[in-house]
Amino acid sequence: MTSFRQVLAVPGMTPLLGISLLARAAITADVTALTMYVVLALDMSYAAAGGVAAALTAGVALGGPLLGRMIDRRGLRTVLLATVVPQIVFWLTVPVLPYAILLGASFAAGLLMVPVQPVTRQAIAAMTTAGQRRAAFALEAVAGELSYMVGPAVVILCAATLSPGVVAWGVGAAIVAGGAGIALLDPPLRAEDEAGGDAADRPRRREWLGTRMAAVLTMGFGATMLLAGIDLAIIATLEEAGQVSWAAMVVAVLGVTSVVGGLVYGTLARPLPTWLLLGLLGLATVPAGLARDWPWLCAAVIAAGLLTAPTLSTISDAVSRLAPAGVRGEATGLQSSALSAGFALGSPVVGLAIDASVPAGGFAAAGLAGLLAALTGYLLSRRSPAPAPSPSPTPEPRDAVAPTP
């Protein structure tokens, strides 16, 4: 059993996770920064701010696979240069852009967002052995949870004393610093025993983007759709109870328990199938709708929190093992797109459920989304044949996506 200490002892792993945490915290806060700029500086509605956020998110979802394919073909530093420079231009000009231009520029910035998450996952797959990857991806998922807890909170706190334009500059500077840091670190994206980046080494898309990969991407989409829905359902529940000021406390409990769950899962001797973890996460989400005030809601989200980081880490682990080295960038880009799409769709779907029923309906809709994705992933996994043996000399662990016989 691999310990976290062994993973962090891998050369380059600690600085990679540290730089990734900085950049991901800024990327998770970019929507918050743009929302505050549109609402406070441009004095426009939250609907207008939502349009900018949607444009940025759509760009990220579409750009992920394209940037991943560029990494496979052109190398890491070329892609980082092609994304860092546009980010510098965009964030420097945000405070002077009128709304109509900001809308289009946000889409372009999302399309060319620095690919921190896909690169980090590629590097983890290349820098670790098969036995170390589950613990390494658990740490990556924990870093992701910390970024969601820290990034938006820091932006909101800074907005109390700084102008929205300055806050936007700070977010952009952190994104650029993260991209530059990864470029300087230049982590390996393929193990020494894996094929190089020639066109002959890249299998055709139909050879790797089959039902098993589709199952993983579907479950990734469902997981983030569920998580986005939980956040909205928490706010709706506490608003009905007249306790909306306690929403931050409940979200913090959800984040902390997710970190704990990820750390515990990374130390387990055997992995669990992704469909099982996601199904349990969906089942744990539905009963949270029974809570009527913030102390009970804090208790109700603990089970879902404990399952969040383990579910996300198994998705990353599965993608890294199902994708051949020559197309791993494109595969991790598709993973990021699936996660972004889930986040983008989760809030409006759950919002419709809340409007049509009661706040508890939001938790039910979020949980059912996770259950449906888990069931779909399970059925797709059963239909697919067993994967071909990996060319790597290191034995692979049992597939965490396929259902247990």
Protein backbone atom coordinates (compact mmCIF):
# COMPACT_ATOMS: atom_id res chain seq x y z
CA MET A 1 0.00 0.00 0.00
CA THR A 2 1.43 3.34 -1.08
CA SER A 3 1.51 6.17 1.46
CA PHE A 4 1.09 9.85 0.68
CA ARG A 5 4.66 10.39 1.86
CA GLN A 6 5.92 8.06 -0.87
CA VAL A 7 3.90 9.91 -3.49
CA LEU A 8 5.15 13.32 -2.35
CA ALA A 9 8.71 11.95 -2.42
CA VAL A 10 8.44 11.40 -6.18
CA PRO A 11 10.77 14.00 -7.77
CA GLY A 12 8.78 17.06 -8.86
CA MET A 13 5.48 15.92 -7.34
CA THR A 14 5.34 18.38 -4.42
CA PRO A 15 6.05 21.52 -6.51
CA LEU A 16 3.62 20.28 -9.19
CA LEU A 17 0.78 19.93 -6.68
CA GLY A 18 1.67 23.27 -5.07
CA ILE A 19 1.68 25.21 -8.34
CA SER A 20 -1.48 23.42 -9.44
CA LEU A 21 -3.25 24.40 -6.22
CA LEU A 22 -2.38 28.10 -6.74
CA ALA A 23 -3.54 28.14 -10.35
CA ARG A 24 -6.68 26.07 -9.73
CA ALA A 25 -7.72 28.31 -6.84
CA ALA A 26 -7.52 31.28 -9.20
CA ILE A 27 -9.37 29.44 -11.99
CA THR A 28 -12.19 28.43 -9.65
CA ALA A 29 -12.49 32.09 -8.62
CA ASP A 30 -12.54 33.55 -12.15
CA VAL A 31 -16.34 33.31 -12.47
CA THR A 32 -16.77 35.00 -9.08
CA ALA A 33 -14.39 37.80 -10.07
CA LEU A 34 -16.17 38.41 -13.38
CA THR A 35 -19.59 38.28 -11.71
CA MET A 36 -18.57 40.93 -9.20
CA TYR A 37 -17.11 43.09 -11.96
CA VAL A 38 -20.31 42.98 -14.04
CA VAL A 39 -22.60 43.58 -11.05
CA LEU A 40 -20.54 46.15 -9.14
CA ALA A 41 -18.41 47.92 -11.73
CA LEU A 42 -20.77 47.83 -14.72
CA ASP A 43 -23.87 48.08 -12.48
CA MET A 44 -25.69 45.37 -14.42
CA SER A 45 -27.94 42.51 -13.35
CA TYR A 46 -26.97 39.08 -12.09
CA ALA A 47 -28.49 37.68 -15.27
CA ALA A 48 -25.95 39.67 -17.27
CA ALA A 49 -23.20 38.39 -14.99
CA GLY A 50 -24.49 34.86 -15.57
CA GLY A 51 -24.10 35.39 -19.31
CA VAL A 52 -20.42 36.19 -18.89
CA ALA A 53 -19.95 33.20 -16.59
CA ALA A 54 -21.72 30.93 -19.10
CA ALA A 55 -19.54 32.22 -21.95
CA LEU A 56 -16.36 31.52 -19.96
CA THR A 57 -17.55 28.05 -18.93
CA ALA A 58 -18.59 27.16 -22.48
CA GLY A 59 -15.16 28.19 -23.73
CA VAL A 60 -13.44 26.01 -21.13
CA ALA A 61 -15.61 23.01 -22.03
CA LEU A 62 -14.93 23.36 -25.76
CA GLY A 63 -11.26 24.20 -25.40
CA GLY A 64 -10.25 21.28 -23.16
CA PRO A 65 -9.99 18.55 -25.83
CA LEU A 66 -8.46 20.95 -28.37
CA LEU A 67 -5.70 22.07 -26.00
CA GLY A 68 -5.13 18.47 -24.91
CA ARG A 69 -4.67 17.40 -28.52
CA MET A 70 -2.22 20.28 -29.02
CA ILE A 71 -0.23 19.10 -26.01
CA ASP A 72 -0.04 15.61 -27.51
CA ARG A 73 1.17 17.01 -30.83
CA ARG A 74 3.19 20.13 -29.95
CA GLY A 75 4.34 19.65 -26.39
CA LEU A 76 3.55 21.28 -23.05
CA ARG A 77 5.51 24.53 -23.23
CA THR A 78 4.12 25.47 -26.65
CA VAL A 79 0.55 25.15 -25.37
CA LEU A 80 1.32 26.99 -22.15
CA LEU A 81 2.75 29.91 -24.13
CA ALA A 82 -0.32 29.88 -26.40
CA THR A 83 -2.61 30.11 -23.36
CA VAL A 84 -0.68 32.29 -20.90
CA VAL A 85 -0.33 35.21 -23.33
CA PRO A 86 -4.09 35.45 -24.07
CA GLN A 87 -4.81 35.28 -20.34
CA ILE A 88 -2.49 38.23 -19.73
CA VAL A 89 -4.28 40.25 -22.41
CA PHE A 90 -7.77 39.31 -21.23
CA TRP A 91 -7.38 39.99 -17.53
CA LEU A 92 -5.48 43.24 -18.05
CA THR A 93 -8.26 44.56 -20.27
CA VAL A 94 -11.28 43.34 -18.25
CA PRO A 95 -11.70 46.68 -16.36
CA VAL A 96 -12.00 48.65 -19.62
CA LEU A 97 -14.15 46.30 -21.69
CA PRO A 98 -17.81 47.13 -22.32
CA TYR A 99 -20.25 44.32 -21.64
CA ALA A 100 -20.79 43.17 -25.24
CA ILE A 101 -17.06 42.81 -25.88
CA LEU A 102 -16.50 41.24 -22.43
CA LEU A 103 -19.02 38.54 -23.34
CA GLY A 104 -17.07 37.46 -26.43
CA ALA A 105 -13.70 37.93 -24.75
CA SER A 106 -14.77 35.69 -21.85
CA PHE A 107 -15.60 32.88 -24.28
CA ALA A 108 -12.18 33.28 -25.93
CA ALA A 109 -10.46 33.33 -22.54
CA GLY A 110 -12.24 30.11 -21.58
CA LEU A 111 -11.31 28.51 -24.88
CA LEU A 112 -7.63 29.34 -24.18
CA MET A 113 -7.67 28.81 -20.42
CA VAL A 114 -4.35 27.56 -19.04
CA PRO A 115 -4.88 23.76 -18.91
CA VAL A 116 -3.73 23.31 -15.33
CA GLN A 117 -5.97 20.40 -14.37
CA PRO A 118 -5.38 18.25 -17.49
CA VAL A 119 -1.62 18.84 -17.34
CA THR A 120 -1.48 17.97 -13.64
CA ARG A 121 -3.37 14.72 -14.25
CA GLN A 122 -1.16 13.82 -17.21
CA ALA A 123 1.96 14.48 -15.18
CA ILE A 124 0.72 12.40 -12.26
CA ALA A 125 0.09 9.46 -14.60
CA ALA A 126 3.60 9.82 -16.05
CA MET A 127 5.47 10.39 -12.78
CA THR A 128 3.95 7.59 -10.71
CA THR A 129 3.78 3.82 -10.89
CA ALA A 130 0.48 1.98 -11.17
CA GLY A 131 0.55 1.29 -7.44
CA GLN A 132 1.07 4.95 -6.56
CA ARG A 133 -1.58 6.51 -8.80
CA ARG A 134 -4.61 6.04 -6.59
CA ALA A 135 -2.95 7.86 -3.70
CA ALA A 136 -1.59 10.51 -6.08
CA PHE A 137 -4.98 11.18 -7.66
CA ALA A 138 -6.53 11.29 -4.19
CA LEU A 139 -4.11 14.12 -3.35
CA GLU A 140 -5.01 15.83 -6.64
CA ALA A 141 -8.71 15.61 -5.78
CA VAL A 142 -8.03 17.00 -2.30
CA ALA A 143 -6.13 19.90 -3.89
CA GLY A 144 -9.15 20.51 -6.10
CA GLU A 145 -11.46 20.65 -3.08
CA LEU A 146 -9.12 23.09 -1.33
CA SER A 147 -9.06 25.31 -4.42
CA TYR A 148 -12.87 25.48 -4.44
CA MET A 149 -12.88 26.36 -0.75
CA VAL A 150 -10.15 29.00 -0.92
CA GLY A 151 -10.38 30.68 -4.34
CA PRO A 152 -13.89 32.22 -4.36
CA ALA A 153 -13.66 33.04 -0.64
CA VAL A 154 -10.44 35.04 -1.12
CA VAL A 155 -11.96 36.95 -4.04
CA ILE A 156 -15.05 37.85 -2.01
CA LEU A 157 -12.92 39.01 0.93
CA CYS A 158 -10.69 41.11 -1.33
CA ALA A 159 -13.74 42.70 -2.94
CA ALA A 160 -14.59 44.26 0.43
CA THR A 161 -11.53 46.53 0.21
CA LEU A 162 -10.47 46.56 -3.45
CA SER A 163 -12.20 47.55 -6.66
CA PRO A 164 -13.63 44.76 -8.87
CA GLY A 165 -11.10 45.61 -11.57
CA VAL A 166 -8.16 45.15 -9.21
CA VAL A 167 -9.62 41.86 -8.00
CA ALA A 168 -9.86 40.69 -11.63
CA TRP A 169 -6.21 41.63 -12.14
CA GLY A 170 -5.24 39.59 -9.10
CA VAL A 171 -7.09 36.52 -10.34
CA GLY A 172 -5.50 36.86 -13.77
CA ALA A 173 -2.05 37.27 -12.24
CA ALA A 174 -2.47 34.05 -10.25
CA ILE A 175 -3.60 32.14 -13.36
CA VAL A 176 -0.63 33.43 -15.34
CA ALA A 177 1.76 32.66 -12.48
CA GLY A 178 0.46 29.11 -12.32
CA GLY A 179 0.93 28.60 -16.06
CA ALA A 180 4.42 30.08 -15.95
CA GLY A 181 5.30 27.94 -12.94
CA ILE A 182 4.25 24.74 -14.70
CA ALA A 183 6.21 25.80 -17.79
CA LEU A 184 9.34 26.29 -15.67
CA LEU A 185 8.78 22.99 -13.87
CA ASP A 186 8.13 21.27 -17.23
CA PRO A 187 6.86 18.01 -15.71
CA PRO A 188 7.04 14.85 -17.84
CA LEU A 189 3.76 13.93 -19.52
CA ARG A 190 4.86 10.44 -20.51
CA ALA A 191 6.75 7.84 -18.52
CA GLU A 192 10.20 6.84 -19.75
CA ASP A 193 8.93 3.49 -21.01
CA GLU A 194 5.96 5.00 -22.88
CA ALA A 195 5.86 5.86 -26.57
CA GLY A 196 6.83 9.29 -27.77
CA GLY A 197 4.70 11.94 -29.43
CA ASP A 198 5.04 10.98 -33.10
CA ALA A 199 1.88 10.66 -35.13
CA ALA A 200 2.54 6.94 -35.50
CA ASP A 201 2.36 6.56 -31.72
CA ARG A 202 -1.11 8.11 -31.49
CA PRO A 203 -3.88 5.54 -31.88
CA ARG A 204 -7.03 6.46 -33.72
CA ARG A 205 -9.79 7.97 -31.61
CA ARG A 206 -12.11 5.00 -32.11
CA GLU A 207 -9.43 2.72 -30.62
CA TRP A 208 -9.51 4.38 -27.20
CA LEU A 209 -12.67 6.51 -27.07
CA GLY A 210 -14.97 3.51 -26.65
CA THR A 211 -17.65 2.52 -24.20
CA ARG A 212 -15.29 2.27 -21.22
CA MET A 213 -14.03 5.81 -21.69
CA ALA A 214 -17.56 7.01 -22.41
CA ALA A 215 -18.63 5.44 -19.11
CA VAL A 216 -15.95 7.35 -17.19
CA LEU A 217 -16.75 10.67 -18.89
CA THR A 218 -20.46 10.18 -18.26
CA MET A 219 -19.83 9.56 -14.58
CA GLY A 220 -17.57 12.61 -14.40
CA PHE A 221 -20.35 14.71 -15.92
CA GLY A 222 -22.88 13.30 -13.47
CA ALA A 223 -20.61 13.83 -10.46
CA THR A 224 -20.07 17.53 -11.09
CA MET A 225 -23.72 18.04 -12.02
CA LEU A 226 -24.56 16.61 -8.60
CA LEU A 227 -22.01 18.81 -6.82
CA ALA A 228 -23.22 21.99 -8.52
CA GLY A 229 -26.78 21.06 -7.57
CA ILE A 230 -25.88 20.49 -3.92
CA ASP A 231 -24.50 24.03 -3.59
CA LEU A 232 -27.69 25.54 -4.98
CA ALA A 233 -29.94 23.30 -2.87
CA ILE A 234 -28.06 24.32 0.30
CA ILE A 235 -28.67 28.00 -0.43
CA ALA A 236 -32.35 27.42 -1.26
CA THR A 237 -32.94 25.38 1.91
CA LEU A 238 -31.36 27.95 4.21
CA GLU A 239 -33.05 30.86 2.43
CA GLU A 240 -36.45 29.25 3.14
CA ALA A 241 -35.41 28.83 6.78
CA GLY A 242 -34.22 32.45 7.03
CA GLN A 243 -30.65 31.24 7.70
CA VAL A 244 -28.93 31.93 4.38
CA SER A 245 -25.98 33.55 6.18
CA TRP A 246 -25.05 30.05 7.41
CA ALA A 247 -24.67 28.68 3.86
CA ALA A 248 -20.92 29.28 3.96
CA MET A 249 -20.66 27.11 7.08
CA VAL A 250 -22.51 24.21 5.43
CA VAL A 251 -20.40 24.48 2.28
CA ALA A 252 -17.27 24.52 4.44
CA VAL A 253 -18.38 21.32 6.20
CA LEU A 254 -18.96 19.73 2.79
CA GLY A 255 -15.48 20.75 1.63
CA VAL A 256 -13.65 19.68 4.79
CA THR A 257 -15.32 16.27 4.86
CA SER A 258 -14.44 15.82 1.18
CA VAL A 259 -10.79 16.48 2.00
CA VAL A 260 -10.97 13.92 4.83
CA GLY A 261 -12.67 11.40 2.54
CA GLY A 262 -10.01 11.83 -0.13
CA LEU A 263 -7.16 11.35 2.33
CA VAL A 264 -8.76 8.24 3.81
CA TYR A 265 -9.58 6.74 0.41
CA GLY A 266 -6.00 7.23 -0.77
CA THR A 267 -4.76 4.94 2.00
CA LEU A 268 -7.15 2.05 1.33
CA ALA A 269 -5.63 -1.21 0.15
CA ARG A 270 -8.16 -1.78 -2.65
CA PRO A 271 -9.98 0.69 -4.92
CA LEU A 272 -13.75 0.80 -5.33
CA PRO A 273 -15.49 0.98 -8.72
CA THR A 274 -16.31 4.50 -9.85
CA TRP A 275 -19.96 3.63 -10.50
CA LEU A 276 -20.30 2.37 -6.92
CA LEU A 277 -18.76 5.48 -5.36
CA LEU A 278 -20.89 7.77 -7.52
CA GLY A 279 -24.02 5.76 -6.75
CA LEU A 280 -23.34 5.99 -3.03
CA LEU A 281 -22.72 9.73 -3.40
CA GLY A 282 -26.10 10.09 -5.12
CA LEU A 283 -27.85 8.06 -2.41
CA ALA A 284 -26.18 10.10 0.34
CA THR A 285 -27.29 13.38 -1.28
CA VAL A 286 -31.04 12.76 -1.43
CA PRO A 287 -31.69 12.55 2.37
CA ALA A 288 -30.02 15.94 2.93
CA GLY A 289 -33.29 17.48 1.76
CA LEU A 290 -34.90 16.39 5.04
CA ALA A 291 -32.84 18.95 6.99
CA ARG A 292 -34.65 22.18 7.81
CA ASP A 293 -32.00 24.32 9.52
CA TRP A 294 -28.25 24.79 9.31
CA PRO A 295 -27.02 22.49 12.14
CA TRP A 296 -28.96 19.53 10.73
CA LEU A 297 -27.89 20.42 7.21
CA CYS A 298 -24.25 20.41 8.30
CA ALA A 299 -24.74 16.89 9.62
CA ALA A 300 -26.71 15.81 6.55
CA VAL A 301 -23.97 16.71 4.03
CA ILE A 302 -21.17 14.85 5.85
CA ALA A 303 -21.82 11.55 4.08
CA ALA A 304 -21.88 13.21 0.66
CA GLY A 305 -18.71 15.12 1.50
CA LEU A 306 -16.81 11.98 2.49
CA LEU A 307 -17.61 10.44 -0.90
CA THR A 308 -16.88 13.47 -3.10
CA ALA A 309 -13.07 13.46 -3.41
CA PRO A 310 -12.86 9.64 -3.68
CA THR A 311 -15.34 9.71 -6.56
CA LEU A 312 -13.46 12.45 -8.42
CA SER A 313 -10.10 10.77 -7.85
CA THR A 314 -11.26 7.43 -9.29
CA ILE A 315 -12.51 9.23 -12.39
CA SER A 316 -9.07 10.78 -12.95
CA ASP A 317 -7.36 7.48 -12.25
CA ALA A 318 -9.58 5.63 -14.72
CA VAL A 319 -9.03 8.18 -17.51
CA SER A 320 -5.26 7.99 -17.05
CA ARG A 321 -5.31 4.19 -17.39
CA LEU A 322 -7.77 3.94 -20.27
CA ALA A 323 -6.00 6.56 -22.43
CA PRO A 324 -2.82 5.51 -24.28
CA ALA A 325 0.15 7.79 -23.66
CA GLY A 326 0.01 9.32 -27.14
CA VAL A 327 -3.51 10.72 -26.61
CA ARG A 328 -3.53 11.26 -22.86
CA GLY A 329 -3.66 15.02 -23.30
CA GLU A 330 -6.80 14.82 -25.42
CA ALA A 331 -8.36 12.35 -22.97
CA THR A 332 -7.72 14.51 -19.92
CA GLY A 333 -9.03 17.48 -21.91
CA LEU A 334 -12.24 15.56 -22.56
CA GLN A 335 -12.42 14.80 -18.84
CA SER A 336 -12.14 18.49 -17.99
CA SER A 337 -14.84 19.29 -20.56
CA ALA A 338 -17.17 16.69 -19.06
CA LEU A 339 -16.61 18.09 -15.56
CA SER A 340 -17.14 21.68 -16.74
CA ALA A 341 -20.32 20.73 -18.58
CA GLY A 342 -21.65 19.03 -15.46
CA PHE A 343 -21.01 22.11 -13.36
CA ALA A 344 -22.65 24.33 -15.97
CA LEU A 345 -25.79 22.19 -16.26
CA GLY A 346 -26.19 21.19 -12.62
CA SER A 347 -27.32 24.54 -11.27
CA PRO A 348 -30.08 25.29 -13.82
CA VAL A 349 -31.49 21.73 -13.68
CA VAL A 350 -31.58 21.69 -9.90
CA GLY A 351 -32.91 25.25 -9.91
CA LEU A 352 -35.84 24.13 -12.04
CA ALA A 353 -36.52 21.27 -9.60
CA ILE A 354 -36.50 23.70 -6.66
CA ASP A 355 -38.81 26.15 -8.43
CA ALA A 356 -41.22 23.35 -9.33
CA SER A 357 -41.33 21.82 -5.83
CA VAL A 358 -39.47 22.67 -2.62
CA PRO A 359 -35.78 23.09 -1.70
CA ALA A 360 -35.67 19.38 -0.79
CA GLY A 361 -36.42 18.72 -4.45
CA GLY A 362 -33.03 20.21 -5.27
CA PHE A 363 -31.19 17.58 -3.25
CA ALA A 364 -33.38 14.88 -4.82
CA ALA A 365 -32.65 16.13 -8.35
CA ALA A 366 -28.91 16.35 -7.65
CA GLY A 367 -28.82 12.88 -6.11
CA LEU A 368 -30.84 11.38 -8.96
CA ALA A 369 -28.46 12.93 -11.50
CA GLY A 370 -25.58 11.15 -9.79
CA LEU A 371 -27.50 7.86 -9.60
CA LEU A 372 -28.45 8.04 -13.27
CA ALA A 373 -24.85 8.70 -14.29
CA ALA A 374 -23.65 5.83 -12.07
CA LEU A 375 -26.18 3.44 -13.60
CA THR A 376 -25.23 4.53 -17.12
CA GLY A 377 -21.54 4.05 -16.33
CA TYR A 378 -22.23 0.60 -14.90
CA LEU A 379 -24.21 -0.52 -17.94
CA LEU A 380 -21.63 0.84 -20.39
CA SER A 381 -18.84 -0.90 -18.48
CA ARG A 382 -20.66 -4.23 -18.63
CA ARG A 383 -21.11 -3.91 -22.39
CA SER A 384 -17.44 -3.20 -23.09
CA PRO A 385 -14.79 -5.88 -23.55
CA ALA A 386 -11.84 -6.09 -21.22
CA PRO A 387 -9.07 -3.64 -22.13
CA ALA A 388 -5.96 -4.85 -23.90
CA PRO A 389 -2.92 -5.38 -21.66
CA SER A 390 -0.90 -2.23 -21.08
CA PRO A 391 2.55 -2.09 -22.70
CA SER A 392 3.89 -0.77 -19.41
CA PRO A 393 6.00 -3.33 -17.49
CA THR A 394 4.33 -2.22 -14.27
CA PRO A 395 1.26 -4.33 -13.46
CA GLU A 396 -1.98 -2.37 -13.61
CA PRO A 397 -4.48 -2.56 -10.74
CA ARG A 398 -7.93 -3.96 -11.35
CA ASP A 399 -10.02 -1.50 -13.37
CA ALA A 400 -11.87 0.85 -11.02
CA VAL A 401 -14.49 1.54 -13.67
CA ALA A 402 -15.67 -1.93 -14.58
CA PRO A 403 -18.30 -3.53 -12.36
CA THR A 404 -17.14 -6.09 -9.87
CA PRO A 405 -17.90 -9.58 -11.21
